[in-house]
Amino acid sequence: MIRVFLVDDHAILRAGIAALIASESDMQCVGQAADGREALEAIDATDVDVALVDLEMPHCDGFKTIQLLGQSAPGIRTVALTMHQERSHVQAALVAGASAFVAKHVADDKLLQTIRGVESGSSFLCVVGDSAVAEVMPRRPVLHEPLSKREQQVLELLVLGHTNREIAQAISIGTKSVETYRSRIGQKLGLRTRAELVQYAIAIGLLQQLVQRFPDVA
């Protein structure tokens, strides 16, 4: 029996997916949550195989929820649910640790197929619309471990457009150290260029947060 947990701030959608899962002989819905914080608390006390996680939620969005679940419960497979199908969203969800990416309007059988696929141990099945597009990303997210505090600082300054020298001055390290941190960030996220880092920051909401925090810098 595949134990599924639903995380979405739309109660009607949760009810519909829960009913769909209940109609399957090999699945059961073991819990629901309206946001990431609620989900993390509930899943900690629940036996879960697959978590369906909406990417756009209040308090703790889906990208962060997926990342935190990967740290606290690495045995749980996560499926990212969204209305958006942009490559940056697919990329950011998989980098965060999602096993699959599914558009909310896909046919019921596609969603069920995805749940069964990730639970069986598939490296990842990425579904956009009505077709599988595994070629969009490498077959496994490249994120092996969370970014360190210093790496996070460098990432934030990079996506705000600062040069290596400016970053070095801002956080009081050498430019060679900045280059080293940039390399580590690229390895962990599987992203090579500044443009890809910016896309990632936009997709997970980081850039928007930075603009609000530093309106005169961004």
C-alpha atoms as a PDB file:
ATOM      1  CA  MET A   1       0.000   0.000   0.000  1.00  0.00           C
ATOM      2  CA  ILE A   2       1.441   3.367  -1.046  1.00  0.00           C
ATOM      3  CA  ARG A   3       0.979   5.920   1.741  1.00  0.00           C
ATOM      4  CA  VAL A   4       0.436   9.391   0.230  1.00  0.00           C
ATOM      5  CA  PHE A   5       0.465  12.763   2.000  1.00  0.00           C
ATOM      6  CA  LEU A   6      -1.077  15.848   0.329  1.00  0.00           C
ATOM      7  CA  VAL A   7       0.298  19.373   0.780  1.00  0.00           C
ATOM      8  CA  ASP A   8      -1.697  22.142  -0.931  1.00  0.00           C
ATOM      9  CA  ASP A   9      -3.356  25.335   0.264  1.00  0.00           C
ATOM     10  CA  HIS A  10      -6.464  24.682  -1.857  1.00  0.00           C
ATOM     11  CA  ALA A  11      -8.851  22.488   0.130  1.00  0.00           C
ATOM     12  CA  ILE A  12     -11.001  21.582  -2.884  1.00  0.00           C
ATOM     13  CA  LEU A  13      -8.001  20.343  -4.836  1.00  0.00           C
ATOM     14  CA  ARG A  14      -6.797  18.320  -1.851  1.00  0.00           C
ATOM     15  CA  ALA A  15     -10.231  16.755  -1.513  1.00  0.00           C
ATOM     16  CA  GLY A  16     -10.279  15.805  -5.175  1.00  0.00           C
ATOM     17  CA  ILE A  17      -6.835  14.204  -5.106  1.00  0.00           C
ATOM     18  CA  ALA A  18      -7.636  12.435  -1.828  1.00  0.00           C
ATOM     19  CA  ALA A  19     -10.765  10.955  -3.402  1.00  0.00           C
ATOM     20  CA  LEU A  20      -8.773   9.849  -6.441  1.00  0.00           C
ATOM     21  CA  ILE A  21      -6.191   8.127  -4.248  1.00  0.00           C
ATOM     22  CA  ALA A  22      -8.899   6.481  -2.133  1.00  0.00           C
ATOM     23  CA  SER A  23     -10.350   4.916  -5.275  1.00  0.00           C
ATOM     24  CA  GLU A  24      -7.119   3.008  -5.919  1.00  0.00           C
ATOM     25  CA  SER A  25      -6.606  -0.387  -4.294  1.00  0.00           C
ATOM     26  CA  ASP A  26      -2.849   0.115  -3.817  1.00  0.00           C
ATOM     27  CA  MET A  27      -2.916   3.623  -2.306  1.00  0.00           C
ATOM     28  CA  GLN A  28      -4.207   5.477   0.708  1.00  0.00           C
ATOM     29  CA  CYS A  29      -4.146   9.130   1.747  1.00  0.00           C
ATOM     30  CA  VAL A  30      -2.560   9.215   5.209  1.00  0.00           C
ATOM     31  CA  GLY A  31      -2.733  12.962   5.789  1.00  0.00           C
ATOM     32  CA  GLN A  32      -3.165  16.475   4.437  1.00  0.00           C
ATOM     33  CA  ALA A  33      -1.713  19.918   5.125  1.00  0.00           C
ATOM     34  CA  ALA A  34      -2.430  23.428   3.859  1.00  0.00           C
ATOM     35  CA  ASP A  35       1.161  24.705   3.955  1.00  0.00           C
ATOM     36  CA  GLY A  36       4.731  23.555   4.309  1.00  0.00           C
ATOM     37  CA  ARG A  37       5.153  24.205   8.016  1.00  0.00           C
ATOM     38  CA  GLU A  38       2.026  22.229   8.848  1.00  0.00           C
ATOM     39  CA  ALA A  39       3.145  19.426   6.535  1.00  0.00           C
ATOM     40  CA  LEU A  40       6.601  19.094   8.088  1.00  0.00           C
ATOM     41  CA  GLU A  41       5.113  18.759  11.565  1.00  0.00           C
ATOM     42  CA  ALA A  42       2.468  16.244  10.496  1.00  0.00           C
ATOM     43  CA  ILE A  43       4.751  14.100   8.335  1.00  0.00           C
ATOM     44  CA  ASP A  44       7.235  13.833  11.193  1.00  0.00           C
ATOM     45  CA  ALA A  45       4.601  11.800  13.074  1.00  0.00           C
ATOM     46  CA  THR A  46       3.211   9.896  10.060  1.00  0.00           C
ATOM     47  CA  ASP A  47       4.411   6.937   8.016  1.00  0.00           C
ATOM     48  CA  VAL A  48       4.596   8.362   4.471  1.00  0.00           C
ATOM     49  CA  ASP A  49       5.924   6.962   1.179  1.00  0.00           C
ATOM     50  CA  VAL A  50       5.082   9.790  -1.243  1.00  0.00           C
ATOM     51  CA  ALA A  51       4.312  13.455  -0.560  1.00  0.00           C
ATOM     52  CA  LEU A  52       2.469  15.521  -3.181  1.00  0.00           C
ATOM     53  CA  VAL A  53       3.622  19.112  -2.625  1.00  0.00           C
ATOM     54  CA  ASP A  54       2.199  22.270  -4.181  1.00  0.00           C
ATOM     55  CA  LEU A  55       4.995  24.691  -5.075  1.00  0.00           C
ATOM     56  CA  GLU A  56       3.071  27.889  -4.287  1.00  0.00           C
ATOM     57  CA  MET A  57       1.924  28.035  -0.669  1.00  0.00           C
ATOM     58  CA  PRO A  58       2.002  30.542   2.190  1.00  0.00           C
ATOM     59  CA  HIS A  59       4.471  30.433   5.109  1.00  0.00           C
ATOM     60  CA  CYS A  60       6.758  27.775   3.624  1.00  0.00           C
ATOM     61  CA  ASP A  61       6.584  27.269  -0.144  1.00  0.00           C
ATOM     62  CA  GLY A  62       6.884  23.951  -1.937  1.00  0.00           C
ATOM     63  CA  PHE A  63      10.534  24.343  -2.930  1.00  0.00           C
ATOM     64  CA  LYS A  64      11.599  24.858   0.679  1.00  0.00           C
ATOM     65  CA  THR A  65       9.225  22.155   1.922  1.00  0.00           C
ATOM     66  CA  ILE A  66      10.681  19.624  -0.501  1.00  0.00           C
ATOM     67  CA  GLN A  67      14.216  20.552   0.502  1.00  0.00           C
ATOM     68  CA  LEU A  68      13.442  20.273   4.234  1.00  0.00           C
ATOM     69  CA  LEU A  69      11.646  16.954   3.752  1.00  0.00           C
ATOM     70  CA  GLY A  70      14.724  15.636   1.975  1.00  0.00           C
ATOM     71  CA  GLN A  71      16.793  16.525   5.024  1.00  0.00           C
ATOM     72  CA  SER A  72      14.414  15.308   7.735  1.00  0.00           C
ATOM     73  CA  ALA A  73      12.846  12.332   5.948  1.00  0.00           C
ATOM     74  CA  PRO A  74      15.096  11.277   3.034  1.00  0.00           C
ATOM     75  CA  GLY A  75      13.125   8.075   2.512  1.00  0.00           C
ATOM     76  CA  ILE A  76      10.019   9.986   1.388  1.00  0.00           C
ATOM     77  CA  ARG A  77       9.612  10.597  -2.341  1.00  0.00           C
ATOM     78  CA  THR A  78       8.213  14.020  -3.214  1.00  0.00           C
ATOM     79  CA  VAL A  79       6.148  15.013  -6.249  1.00  0.00           C
ATOM     80  CA  ALA A  80       6.001  18.733  -7.040  1.00  0.00           C
ATOM     81  CA  LEU A  81       2.559  19.973  -8.115  1.00  0.00           C
ATOM     82  CA  THR A  82       2.122  23.291  -9.907  1.00  0.00           C
ATOM     83  CA  MET A  83       0.139  25.300 -12.420  1.00  0.00           C
ATOM     84  CA  HIS A  84       3.392  26.520 -13.978  1.00  0.00           C
ATOM     85  CA  GLN A  85       5.387  24.540 -16.511  1.00  0.00           C
ATOM     86  CA  GLU A  86       8.382  26.817 -17.104  1.00  0.00           C
ATOM     87  CA  ARG A  87      11.750  25.122 -17.306  1.00  0.00           C
ATOM     88  CA  SER A  88      12.991  27.175 -14.335  1.00  0.00           C
ATOM     89  CA  HIS A  89      10.224  25.739 -12.130  1.00  0.00           C
ATOM     90  CA  VAL A  90      11.005  22.190 -13.245  1.00  0.00           C
ATOM     91  CA  GLN A  91      14.692  22.777 -12.650  1.00  0.00           C
ATOM     92  CA  ALA A  92      14.249  24.364  -9.224  1.00  0.00           C
ATOM     93  CA  ALA A  93      11.858  21.633  -8.022  1.00  0.00           C
ATOM     94  CA  LEU A  94      14.200  18.838  -9.041  1.00  0.00           C
ATOM     95  CA  VAL A  95      17.238  20.605  -7.596  1.00  0.00           C
ATOM     96  CA  ALA A  96      15.319  21.014  -4.320  1.00  0.00           C
ATOM     97  CA  GLY A  97      14.958  17.245  -4.289  1.00  0.00           C
ATOM     98  CA  ALA A  98      11.619  16.432  -5.932  1.00  0.00           C
ATOM     99  CA  SER A  99      11.378  13.000  -7.522  1.00  0.00           C
ATOM    100  CA  ALA A 100       8.855  14.265 -10.060  1.00  0.00           C
ATOM    101  CA  PHE A 101       7.224  17.428 -11.366  1.00  0.00           C
ATOM    102  CA  VAL A 102       3.544  17.312 -12.345  1.00  0.00           C
ATOM    103  CA  ALA A 103       1.300  20.013 -13.787  1.00  0.00           C
ATOM    104  CA  LYS A 104      -2.015  20.152 -11.929  1.00  0.00           C
ATOM    105  CA  HIS A 105      -4.098  19.801 -15.069  1.00  0.00           C
ATOM    106  CA  VAL A 106      -2.676  16.412 -16.102  1.00  0.00           C
ATOM    107  CA  ALA A 107      -5.062  13.497 -16.455  1.00  0.00           C
ATOM    108  CA  ASP A 108      -5.747  11.462 -13.323  1.00  0.00           C
ATOM    109  CA  ASP A 109      -3.979   8.397 -14.692  1.00  0.00           C
ATOM    110  CA  LYS A 110      -0.797  10.432 -15.248  1.00  0.00           C
ATOM    111  CA  LEU A 111      -0.744  11.552 -11.624  1.00  0.00           C
ATOM    112  CA  LEU A 112      -1.360   8.002 -10.392  1.00  0.00           C
ATOM    113  CA  GLN A 113       1.334   6.707 -12.737  1.00  0.00           C
ATOM    114  CA  THR A 114       3.763   9.256 -11.317  1.00  0.00           C
ATOM    115  CA  ILE A 115       2.996   8.306  -7.711  1.00  0.00           C
ATOM    116  CA  ARG A 116       3.575   4.640  -8.473  1.00  0.00           C
ATOM    117  CA  GLY A 117       6.704   5.427 -10.454  1.00  0.00           C
ATOM    118  CA  VAL A 118       8.470   7.439  -7.773  1.00  0.00           C
ATOM    119  CA  GLU A 119       7.427   5.043  -5.006  1.00  0.00           C
ATOM    120  CA  SER A 120       8.932   2.139  -6.929  1.00  0.00           C
ATOM    121  CA  GLY A 121      12.282   3.904  -6.954  1.00  0.00           C
ATOM    122  CA  SER A 122      12.446   5.549 -10.365  1.00  0.00           C
ATOM    123  CA  SER A 123      15.236   8.144 -10.343  1.00  0.00           C
ATOM    124  CA  PHE A 124      12.677  10.665 -11.453  1.00  0.00           C
ATOM    125  CA  LEU A 125       9.749  10.992 -13.781  1.00  0.00           C
ATOM    126  CA  CYS A 126       9.074  14.566 -14.829  1.00  0.00           C
ATOM    127  CA  VAL A 127       5.592  15.145 -16.235  1.00  0.00           C
ATOM    128  CA  VAL A 128       4.540  18.409 -17.858  1.00  0.00           C
ATOM    129  CA  GLY A 129       1.118  18.646 -19.460  1.00  0.00           C
ATOM    130  CA  ASP A 130       0.275  15.227 -20.857  1.00  0.00           C
ATOM    131  CA  SER A 131       3.751  14.016 -21.787  1.00  0.00           C
ATOM    132  CA  ALA A 132       6.814  12.784 -19.948  1.00  0.00           C
ATOM    133  CA  VAL A 133       9.747  15.117 -20.493  1.00  0.00           C
ATOM    134  CA  ALA A 134      12.581  13.458 -18.630  1.00  0.00           C
ATOM    135  CA  GLU A 135      14.999  15.097 -21.046  1.00  0.00           C
ATOM    136  CA  VAL A 136      14.377  18.501 -19.437  1.00  0.00           C
ATOM    137  CA  MET A 137      16.803  17.746 -16.607  1.00  0.00           C
ATOM    138  CA  PRO A 138      19.442  15.148 -15.680  1.00  0.00           C
ATOM    139  CA  ARG A 139      17.913  11.965 -14.327  1.00  0.00           C
ATOM    140  CA  ARG A 140      18.821  12.880 -10.754  1.00  0.00           C
ATOM    141  CA  PRO A 141      18.883  16.223  -8.949  1.00  0.00           C
ATOM    142  CA  VAL A 142      22.476  17.298  -8.420  1.00  0.00           C
ATOM    143  CA  LEU A 143      21.892  18.684  -4.923  1.00  0.00           C
ATOM    144  CA  HIS A 144      23.880  16.373  -2.635  1.00  0.00           C
ATOM    145  CA  GLU A 145      23.807  18.551   0.476  1.00  0.00           C
ATOM    146  CA  PRO A 146      22.348  21.899   1.553  1.00  0.00           C
ATOM    147  CA  LEU A 147      24.266  25.089   0.888  1.00  0.00           C
ATOM    148  CA  SER A 148      26.398  26.263   3.794  1.00  0.00           C
ATOM    149  CA  LYS A 149      25.723  29.654   5.376  1.00  0.00           C
ATOM    150  CA  ARG A 150      28.650  31.190   3.473  1.00  0.00           C
ATOM    151  CA  GLU A 151      27.572  29.595   0.185  1.00  0.00           C
ATOM    152  CA  GLN A 152      24.083  30.998   0.698  1.00  0.00           C
ATOM    153  CA  GLN A 153      25.568  34.472   1.216  1.00  0.00           C
ATOM    154  CA  VAL A 154      27.592  34.203  -1.982  1.00  0.00           C
ATOM    155  CA  LEU A 155      24.571  32.916  -3.912  1.00  0.00           C
ATOM    156  CA  GLU A 156      22.428  35.843  -2.759  1.00  0.00           C
ATOM    157  CA  LEU A 157      25.031  38.394  -3.786  1.00  0.00           C
ATOM    158  CA  LEU A 158      25.581  36.663  -7.114  1.00  0.00           C
ATOM    159  CA  VAL A 159      21.925  36.753  -8.083  1.00  0.00           C
ATOM    160  CA  LEU A 160      21.802  40.430  -7.103  1.00  0.00           C
ATOM    161  CA  GLY A 161      24.449  41.058  -9.761  1.00  0.00           C
ATOM    162  CA  HIS A 162      27.575  41.615  -7.677  1.00  0.00           C
ATOM    163  CA  THR A 163      31.020  40.811  -9.077  1.00  0.00           C
ATOM    164  CA  ASN A 164      33.434  38.442  -7.339  1.00  0.00           C
ATOM    165  CA  ARG A 165      35.429  41.421  -6.031  1.00  0.00           C
ATOM    166  CA  GLU A 166      32.306  43.129  -4.677  1.00  0.00           C
ATOM    167  CA  ILE A 167      31.213  39.897  -2.982  1.00  0.00           C
ATOM    168  CA  ALA A 168      34.659  39.492  -1.426  1.00  0.00           C
ATOM    169  CA  GLN A 169      34.515  43.011  -0.015  1.00  0.00           C
ATOM    170  CA  ALA A 170      30.943  42.610   1.226  1.00  0.00           C
ATOM    171  CA  ILE A 171      31.619  39.493   3.311  1.00  0.00           C
ATOM    172  CA  SER A 172      35.326  40.085   4.035  1.00  0.00           C
ATOM    173  CA  ILE A 173      36.901  37.168   2.186  1.00  0.00           C
ATOM    174  CA  GLY A 174      39.347  36.912  -0.707  1.00  0.00           C
ATOM    175  CA  THR A 175      38.282  36.815  -4.345  1.00  0.00           C
ATOM    176  CA  LYS A 176      39.805  33.329  -4.657  1.00  0.00           C
ATOM    177  CA  SER A 177      37.531  32.179  -1.864  1.00  0.00           C
ATOM    178  CA  VAL A 178      34.537  33.627  -3.714  1.00  0.00           C
ATOM    179  CA  GLU A 179      35.526  31.610  -6.784  1.00  0.00           C
ATOM    180  CA  THR A 180      35.749  28.488  -4.625  1.00  0.00           C
ATOM    181  CA  TYR A 181      32.291  29.102  -3.147  1.00  0.00           C
ATOM    182  CA  ARG A 182      30.862  29.727  -6.624  1.00  0.00           C
ATOM    183  CA  SER A 183      32.258  26.397  -7.770  1.00  0.00           C
ATOM    184  CA  ARG A 184      30.758  24.573  -4.782  1.00  0.00           C
ATOM    185  CA  ILE A 185      27.376  26.220  -5.343  1.00  0.00           C
ATOM    186  CA  GLY A 186      27.436  25.174  -8.979  1.00  0.00           C
ATOM    187  CA  GLN A 187      28.273  21.591  -8.050  1.00  0.00           C
ATOM    188  CA  LYS A 188      25.559  21.352  -5.412  1.00  0.00           C
ATOM    189  CA  LEU A 189      22.818  22.920  -7.533  1.00  0.00           C
ATOM    190  CA  GLY A 190      23.896  21.557 -10.888  1.00  0.00           C
ATOM    191  CA  LEU A 191      23.851  25.071 -12.339  1.00  0.00           C
ATOM    192  CA  ARG A 192      26.794  26.526 -14.245  1.00  0.00           C
ATOM    193  CA  THR A 193      26.086  30.123 -15.210  1.00  0.00           C
ATOM    194  CA  ARG A 194      24.912  33.218 -13.340  1.00  0.00           C
ATOM    195  CA  ALA A 195      21.805  33.246 -15.557  1.00  0.00           C
ATOM    196  CA  GLU A 196      20.899  29.738 -14.393  1.00  0.00           C
ATOM    197  CA  LEU A 197      21.431  30.779 -10.778  1.00  0.00           C
ATOM    198  CA  VAL A 198      19.127  33.762 -11.283  1.00  0.00           C
ATOM    199  CA  GLN A 199      16.465  31.521 -12.855  1.00  0.00           C
ATOM    200  CA  TYR A 200      16.747  29.205  -9.878  1.00  0.00           C
ATOM    201  CA  ALA A 201      16.496  32.130  -7.431  1.00  0.00           C
ATOM    202  CA  ILE A 202      13.374  33.400  -9.189  1.00  0.00           C
ATOM    203  CA  ALA A 203      11.739  29.973  -9.207  1.00  0.00           C
ATOM    204  CA  ILE A 204      12.212  29.393  -5.474  1.00  0.00           C
ATOM    205  CA  GLY A 205      11.241  32.957  -4.572  1.00  0.00           C
ATOM    206  CA  LEU A 206      14.709  33.904  -3.325  1.00  0.00           C
ATOM    207  CA  LEU A 207      15.206  36.828  -5.684  1.00  0.00           C
ATOM    208  CA  GLN A 208      11.840  38.327  -4.751  1.00  0.00           C
ATOM    209  CA  GLN A 209      12.794  38.108  -1.060  1.00  0.00           C
ATOM    210  CA  LEU A 210      16.137  39.775  -1.719  1.00  0.00           C
ATOM    211  CA  VAL A 211      14.532  42.617  -3.644  1.00  0.00           C
ATOM    212  CA  GLN A 212      12.235  43.265  -0.705  1.00  0.00           C
ATOM    213  CA  ARG A 213      15.115  43.147   1.788  1.00  0.00           C
ATOM    214  CA  PHE A 214      17.515  45.244  -0.268  1.00  0.00           C
ATOM    215  CA  PRO A 215      15.445  47.484  -2.571  1.00  0.00           C
ATOM    216  CA  ASP A 216      18.334  49.904  -3.135  1.00  0.00           C
ATOM    217  CA  VAL A 217      20.758  47.117  -4.045  1.00  0.00           C
ATOM    218  CA  ALA A 218      18.705  44.920  -6.326  1.00  0.00           C
END
